[in-house]
Amino acid sequence: RAFFPPGTRSPLHSSGIGKALLAYAAPDALR
């Protein structure tokens, strides 16, 4: 199984949640 206990960090560009957040980020923040 996948295991990401609370407190674990993962880069935005290579994680599911990270890319979901980037996809809906404000244009300035994404740039």
All heavy atoms as atom14 arrays in JSON, in Angstrom:
{
  "sequence": "RAFFPPGTRSPLHSSGIGKALLAYAAPDALR",
  "atom14_mask": [
    [1, 1, 1, 1, 1, 1, 1, 1, 1, 1, 1, 0, 0, 0],
    [1, 1, 1, 1, 1, 0, 0, 0, 0, 0, 0, 0, 0, 0],
    [1, 1, 1, 1, 1, 1, 1, 1, 1, 1, 1, 0, 0, 0],
    [1, 1, 1, 1, 1, 1, 1, 1, 1, 1, 1, 0, 0, 0],
    [1, 1, 1, 1, 1, 1, 1, 0, 0, 0, 0, 0, 0, 0],
    [1, 1, 1, 1, 1, 1, 1, 0, 0, 0, 0, 0, 0, 0],
    [1, 1, 1, 1, 0, 0, 0, 0, 0, 0, 0, 0, 0, 0],
    [1, 1, 1, 1, 1, 1, 1, 0, 0, 0, 0, 0, 0, 0],
    [1, 1, 1, 1, 1, 1, 1, 1, 1, 1, 1, 0, 0, 0],
    [1, 1, 1, 1, 1, 1, 0, 0, 0, 0, 0, 0, 0, 0],
    [1, 1, 1, 1, 1, 1, 1, 0, 0, 0, 0, 0, 0, 0],
    [1, 1, 1, 1, 1, 1, 1, 1, 0, 0, 0, 0, 0, 0],
    [1, 1, 1, 1, 1, 1, 1, 1, 1, 1, 0, 0, 0, 0],
    [1, 1, 1, 1, 1, 1, 0, 0, 0, 0, 0, 0, 0, 0],
    [1, 1, 1, 1, 1, 1, 0, 0, 0, 0, 0, 0, 0, 0],
    [1, 1, 1, 1, 0, 0, 0, 0, 0, 0, 0, 0, 0, 0],
    [1, 1, 1, 1, 1, 1, 1, 1, 0, 0, 0, 0, 0, 0],
    [1, 1, 1, 1, 0, 0, 0, 0, 0, 0, 0, 0, 0, 0],
    [1, 1, 1, 1, 1, 1, 1, 1, 1, 0, 0, 0, 0, 0],
    [1, 1, 1, 1, 1, 0, 0, 0, 0, 0, 0, 0, 0, 0],
    [1, 1, 1, 1, 1, 1, 1, 1, 0, 0, 0, 0, 0, 0],
    [1, 1, 1, 1, 1, 1, 1, 1, 0, 0, 0, 0, 0, 0],
    [1, 1, 1, 1, 1, 0, 0, 0, 0, 0, 0, 0, 0, 0],
    [1, 1, 1, 1, 1, 1, 1, 1, 1, 1, 1, 1, 0, 0],
    [1, 1, 1, 1, 1, 0, 0, 0, 0, 0, 0, 0, 0, 0],
    [1, 1, 1, 1, 1, 0, 0, 0, 0, 0, 0, 0, 0, 0],
    [1, 1, 1, 1, 1, 1, 1, 0, 0, 0, 0, 0, 0, 0],
    [1, 1, 1, 1, 1, 1, 1, 1, 0, 0, 0, 0, 0, 0],
    [1, 1, 1, 1, 1, 0, 0, 0, 0, 0, 0, 0, 0, 0],
    [1, 1, 1, 1, 1, 1, 1, 1, 0, 0, 0, 0, 0, 0],
    [1, 1, 1, 1, 1, 1, 1, 1, 1, 1, 1, 0, 0, 0]
  ],
  "atom14_positions": [
    [[0.83, -1.2, 0.0], [0.0, 0.0, 0.0], [0.87, 1.25, 0.0], [2.04, 1.21, 0.36], [-0.9, 0.02, 1.23], [-0.14, 0.02, 2.56], [-1.11, -0.14, 3.72], [-0.46, -0.07, 5.02], [0.11, -1.09, 5.64], [0.11, -2.29, 5.07], [0.67, -0.95, 6.82], [0.0, 0.0, 0.0], [0.0, 0.0, 0.0], [0.0, 0.0, 0.0]],
    [[0.26, 2.35, -0.39], [0.91, 3.65, -0.28], [0.77, 4.13, 1.15], [-0.25, 3.89, 1.8], [0.26, 4.64, -1.24], [0.0, 0.0, 0.0], [0.0, 0.0, 0.0], [0.0, 0.0, 0.0], [0.0, 0.0, 0.0], [0.0, 0.0, 0.0], [0.0, 0.0, 0.0], [0.0, 0.0, 0.0], [0.0, 0.0, 0.0], [0.0, 0.0, 0.0]],
    [[1.8, 4.82, 1.65], [1.76, 5.25, 3.05], [2.34, 6.65, 3.17], [3.52, 6.87, 2.93], [2.56, 4.27, 3.92], [2.47, 4.58, 5.39], [1.25, 4.68, 6.03], [3.63, 4.8, 6.14], [1.17, 4.96, 7.39], [3.56, 5.08, 7.49], [2.33, 5.16, 8.11], [0.0, 0.0, 0.0], [0.0, 0.0, 0.0], [0.0, 0.0, 0.0]],
    [[1.48, 7.61, 3.5], [1.89, 9.0, 3.69], [1.36, 9.47, 5.04], [0.3, 10.11, 5.11], [1.33, 9.9, 2.59], [1.69, 9.47, 1.2], [0.76, 8.81, 0.4], [2.95, 9.71, 0.69], [1.09, 8.41, -0.88], [3.29, 9.31, -0.6], [2.36, 8.66, -1.38], [0.0, 0.0, 0.0], [0.0, 0.0, 0.0], [0.0, 0.0, 0.0]],
    [[2.04, 9.15, 6.14], [1.54, 9.53, 7.46], [1.47, 11.04, 7.6], [2.22, 11.78, 6.94], [2.58, 8.94, 8.42], [3.82, 8.81, 7.59], [3.34, 8.48, 6.21], [0.0, 0.0, 0.0], [0.0, 0.0, 0.0], [0.0, 0.0, 0.0], [0.0, 0.0, 0.0], [0.0, 0.0, 0.0], [0.0, 0.0, 0.0], [0.0, 0.0, 0.0]],
    [[0.55, 11.56, 8.44], [0.46, 13.01, 8.66], [1.82, 13.6, 9.01], [2.56, 13.06, 9.82], [-0.53, 13.11, 9.82], [-1.41, 11.92, 9.64], [-0.49, 10.83, 9.17], [0.0, 0.0, 0.0], [0.0, 0.0, 0.0], [0.0, 0.0, 0.0], [0.0, 0.0, 0.0], [0.0, 0.0, 0.0], [0.0, 0.0, 0.0], [0.0, 0.0, 0.0]],
    [[2.14, 14.73, 8.36], [3.44, 15.36, 8.55], [4.4, 15.09, 7.41], [5.4, 15.79, 7.26], [0.0, 0.0, 0.0], [0.0, 0.0, 0.0], [0.0, 0.0, 0.0], [0.0, 0.0, 0.0], [0.0, 0.0, 0.0], [0.0, 0.0, 0.0], [0.0, 0.0, 0.0], [0.0, 0.0, 0.0], [0.0, 0.0, 0.0], [0.0, 0.0, 0.0]],
    [[4.1, 14.08, 6.56], [4.92, 13.78, 5.4], [4.74, 14.86, 4.34], [3.64, 15.38, 4.16], [4.53, 12.42, 4.8], [4.72, 11.4, 5.78], [5.39, 12.09, 3.58], [0.0, 0.0, 0.0], [0.0, 0.0, 0.0], [0.0, 0.0, 0.0], [0.0, 0.0, 0.0], [0.0, 0.0, 0.0], [0.0, 0.0, 0.0], [0.0, 0.0, 0.0]],
    [[5.83, 15.21, 3.64], [5.78, 16.2, 2.57], [6.16, 15.54, 1.25], [6.97, 14.63, 1.22], [6.72, 17.38, 2.87], [6.38, 18.12, 4.14], [7.43, 19.16, 4.49], [7.3, 20.38, 3.71], [8.16, 20.79, 2.79], [9.23, 20.06, 2.52], [7.97, 21.92, 2.13], [0.0, 0.0, 0.0], [0.0, 0.0, 0.0], [0.0, 0.0, 0.0]],
    [[5.55, 16.03, 0.17], [5.85, 15.51, -1.17], [5.82, 16.67, -2.16], [4.94, 17.54, -2.06], [4.82, 14.45, -1.57], [5.14, 13.87, -2.81], [0.0, 0.0, 0.0], [0.0, 0.0, 0.0], [0.0, 0.0, 0.0], [0.0, 0.0, 0.0], [0.0, 0.0, 0.0], [0.0, 0.0, 0.0], [0.0, 0.0, 0.0], [0.0, 0.0, 0.0]],
    [[6.76, 16.73, -3.11], [6.81, 17.85, -4.05], [5.5, 18.03, -4.82], [4.86, 17.04, -5.21], [7.95, 17.47, -4.98], [8.81, 16.57, -4.16], [7.87, 15.79, -3.31], [0.0, 0.0, 0.0], [0.0, 0.0, 0.0], [0.0, 0.0, 0.0], [0.0, 0.0, 0.0], [0.0, 0.0, 0.0], [0.0, 0.0, 0.0], [0.0, 0.0, 0.0]],
    [[5.13, 19.26, -5.07], [3.87, 19.56, -5.75], [3.82, 18.95, -7.15], [2.79, 18.38, -7.55], [3.68, 21.07, -5.87], [3.38, 21.86, -4.58], [3.38, 23.35, -4.88], [2.03, 21.44, -4.0], [0.0, 0.0, 0.0], [0.0, 0.0, 0.0], [0.0, 0.0, 0.0], [0.0, 0.0, 0.0], [0.0, 0.0, 0.0], [0.0, 0.0, 0.0]],
    [[4.9, 19.04, -7.9], [4.86, 18.66, -9.31], [4.82, 17.16, -9.54], [4.53, 16.71, -10.66], [6.06, 19.24, -10.06], [7.36, 18.56, -9.75], [8.0, 18.71, -8.54], [8.13, 17.7, -10.48], [9.12, 17.99, -8.54], [9.22, 17.38, -9.72], [0.0, 0.0, 0.0], [0.0, 0.0, 0.0], [0.0, 0.0, 0.0], [0.0, 0.0, 0.0]],
    [[5.09, 16.38, -8.49], [5.14, 14.92, -8.66], [4.19, 14.19, -7.72], [4.41, 13.03, -7.4], [6.58, 14.41, -8.44], [7.02, 14.73, -7.13], [0.0, 0.0, 0.0], [0.0, 0.0, 0.0], [0.0, 0.0, 0.0], [0.0, 0.0, 0.0], [0.0, 0.0, 0.0], [0.0, 0.0, 0.0], [0.0, 0.0, 0.0], [0.0, 0.0, 0.0]],
    [[3.13, 14.87, -7.29], [2.15, 14.23, -6.41], [0.75, 14.55, -6.91], [0.51, 15.6, -7.52], [2.31, 14.7, -4.96], [2.02, 16.08, -4.85], [0.0, 0.0, 0.0], [0.0, 0.0, 0.0], [0.0, 0.0, 0.0], [0.0, 0.0, 0.0], [0.0, 0.0, 0.0], [0.0, 0.0, 0.0], [0.0, 0.0, 0.0], [0.0, 0.0, 0.0]],
    [[-0.18, 13.64, -6.64], [-1.56, 13.84, -7.09], [-2.18, 15.09, -6.51], [-2.73, 15.93, -7.24], [0.0, 0.0, 0.0], [0.0, 0.0, 0.0], [0.0, 0.0, 0.0], [0.0, 0.0, 0.0], [0.0, 0.0, 0.0], [0.0, 0.0, 0.0], [0.0, 0.0, 0.0], [0.0, 0.0, 0.0], [0.0, 0.0, 0.0], [0.0, 0.0, 0.0]],
    [[-2.13, 15.24, -5.18], [-2.71, 16.42, -4.55], [-1.98, 17.68, -4.99], [-2.59, 18.72, -5.25], [-2.68, 16.27, -3.01], [-3.67, 15.19, -2.56], [-3.03, 17.61, -2.33], [-3.69, 14.96, -1.06], [0.0, 0.0, 0.0], [0.0, 0.0, 0.0], [0.0, 0.0, 0.0], [0.0, 0.0, 0.0], [0.0, 0.0, 0.0], [0.0, 0.0, 0.0]],
    [[-0.65, 17.6, -5.09], [0.13, 18.75, -5.5], [-0.29, 19.27, -6.86], [-0.49, 20.48, -7.06], [0.0, 0.0, 0.0], [0.0, 0.0, 0.0], [0.0, 0.0, 0.0], [0.0, 0.0, 0.0], [0.0, 0.0, 0.0], [0.0, 0.0, 0.0], [0.0, 0.0, 0.0], [0.0, 0.0, 0.0], [0.0, 0.0, 0.0], [0.0, 0.0, 0.0]],
    [[-0.45, 18.37, -7.82], [-0.85, 18.8, -9.16], [-2.29, 19.3, -9.18], [-2.62, 20.22, -9.95], [-0.64, 17.67, -10.16], [0.83, 17.34, -10.38], [1.05, 16.56, -11.69], [0.37, 15.2, -11.65], [0.57, 14.47, -12.92], [0.0, 0.0, 0.0], [0.0, 0.0, 0.0], [0.0, 0.0, 0.0], [0.0, 0.0, 0.0], [0.0, 0.0, 0.0]],
    [[-3.15, 18.72, -8.35], [-4.53, 19.21, -8.26], [-4.56, 20.65, -7.75], [-5.32, 21.49, -8.23], [-5.35, 18.29, -7.36], [0.0, 0.0, 0.0], [0.0, 0.0, 0.0], [0.0, 0.0, 0.0], [0.0, 0.0, 0.0], [0.0, 0.0, 0.0], [0.0, 0.0, 0.0], [0.0, 0.0, 0.0], [0.0, 0.0, 0.0], [0.0, 0.0, 0.0]],
    [[-3.72, 20.95, -6.75], [-3.65, 22.3, -6.21], [-3.05, 23.27, -7.22], [-3.52, 24.41, -7.37], [-2.82, 22.31, -4.92], [-3.45, 21.59, -3.72], [-2.47, 21.55, -2.55], [-4.74, 22.28, -3.29], [0.0, 0.0, 0.0], [0.0, 0.0, 0.0], [0.0, 0.0, 0.0], [0.0, 0.0, 0.0], [0.0, 0.0, 0.0], [0.0, 0.0, 0.0]],
    [[-2.0, 22.85, -7.93], [-1.41, 23.7, -8.95], [-2.39, 23.99, -10.08], [-2.43, 25.1, -10.62], [-0.15, 23.04, -9.52], [1.09, 23.02, -8.63], [2.21, 22.22, -9.31], [1.57, 24.43, -8.32], [0.0, 0.0, 0.0], [0.0, 0.0, 0.0], [0.0, 0.0, 0.0], [0.0, 0.0, 0.0], [0.0, 0.0, 0.0], [0.0, 0.0, 0.0]],
    [[-3.18, 23.0, -10.45], [-4.12, 23.16, -11.56], [-5.14, 24.26, -11.28], [-5.62, 24.92, -12.21], [-4.84, 21.84, -11.84], [0.0, 0.0, 0.0], [0.0, 0.0, 0.0], [0.0, 0.0, 0.0], [0.0, 0.0, 0.0], [0.0, 0.0, 0.0], [0.0, 0.0, 0.0], [0.0, 0.0, 0.0], [0.0, 0.0, 0.0], [0.0, 0.0, 0.0]],
    [[-5.47, 24.46, -10.01], [-6.48, 25.45, -9.65], [-5.87, 26.63, -8.89], [-6.59, 27.41, -8.25], [-7.59, 24.79, -8.82], [-8.43, 23.84, -9.64], [-8.09, 22.49, -9.74], [-9.54, 24.29, -10.35], [-8.84, 21.62, -10.51], [-10.3, 23.43, -11.12], [-9.94, 22.09, -11.19], [-10.69, 21.23, -11.97], [0.0, 0.0, 0.0], [0.0, 0.0, 0.0]],
    [[-4.56, 26.78, -8.97], [-3.9, 27.91, -8.32], [-4.17, 29.2, -9.09], [-4.45, 29.18, -10.29], [-2.39, 27.66, -8.23], [0.0, 0.0, 0.0], [0.0, 0.0, 0.0], [0.0, 0.0, 0.0], [0.0, 0.0, 0.0], [0.0, 0.0, 0.0], [0.0, 0.0, 0.0], [0.0, 0.0, 0.0], [0.0, 0.0, 0.0], [0.0, 0.0, 0.0]],
    [[-4.06, 30.33, -8.39], [-4.2, 31.63, -9.06], [-3.1, 31.76, -10.11], [-1.98, 31.27, -9.91], [-4.1, 32.75, -8.04], [0.0, 0.0, 0.0], [0.0, 0.0, 0.0], [0.0, 0.0, 0.0], [0.0, 0.0, 0.0], [0.0, 0.0, 0.0], [0.0, 0.0, 0.0], [0.0, 0.0, 0.0], [0.0, 0.0, 0.0], [0.0, 0.0, 0.0]],
    [[-3.39, 32.42, -11.24], [-2.4, 32.53, -12.32], [-1.05, 33.07, -11.86], [0.0, 32.55, -12.25], [-3.08, 33.48, -13.31], [-4.54, 33.25, -13.09], [-4.68, 33.01, -11.62], [0.0, 0.0, 0.0], [0.0, 0.0, 0.0], [0.0, 0.0, 0.0], [0.0, 0.0, 0.0], [0.0, 0.0, 0.0], [0.0, 0.0, 0.0], [0.0, 0.0, 0.0]],
    [[-1.05, 34.11, -11.02], [0.21, 34.68, -10.55], [1.0, 33.67, -9.72], [2.22, 33.57, -9.85], [-0.04, 35.94, -9.71], [-0.47, 37.12, -10.58], [-0.32, 37.03, -11.81], [-0.95, 38.12, -10.02], [0.0, 0.0, 0.0], [0.0, 0.0, 0.0], [0.0, 0.0, 0.0], [0.0, 0.0, 0.0], [0.0, 0.0, 0.0], [0.0, 0.0, 0.0]],
    [[0.29, 32.93, -8.86], [0.94, 31.93, -8.02], [1.53, 30.81, -8.87], [2.62, 30.31, -8.6], [-0.04, 31.37, -6.99], [0.0, 0.0, 0.0], [0.0, 0.0, 0.0], [0.0, 0.0, 0.0], [0.0, 0.0, 0.0], [0.0, 0.0, 0.0], [0.0, 0.0, 0.0], [0.0, 0.0, 0.0], [0.0, 0.0, 0.0], [0.0, 0.0, 0.0]],
    [[0.8, 30.41, -9.9], [1.29, 29.34, -10.78], [2.51, 29.8, -11.57], [3.49, 29.07, -11.69], [0.18, 28.89, -11.73], [0.54, 27.75, -12.68], [1.0, 26.52, -11.91], [-0.64, 27.41, -13.59], [0.0, 0.0, 0.0], [0.0, 0.0, 0.0], [0.0, 0.0, 0.0], [0.0, 0.0, 0.0], [0.0, 0.0, 0.0], [0.0, 0.0, 0.0]],
    [[2.47, 31.04, -12.07], [3.62, 31.56, -12.8], [4.86, 31.64, -11.9], [5.98, 31.32, -12.33], [3.3, 32.95, -13.37], [2.48, 32.92, -14.65], [2.46, 34.26, -15.33], [1.7, 35.23, -14.55], [0.4, 35.44, -14.7], [-0.29, 34.75, -15.61], [-0.23, 36.35, -13.97], [0.0, 0.0, 0.0], [0.0, 0.0, 0.0], [0.0, 0.0, 0.0]]
  ]
}
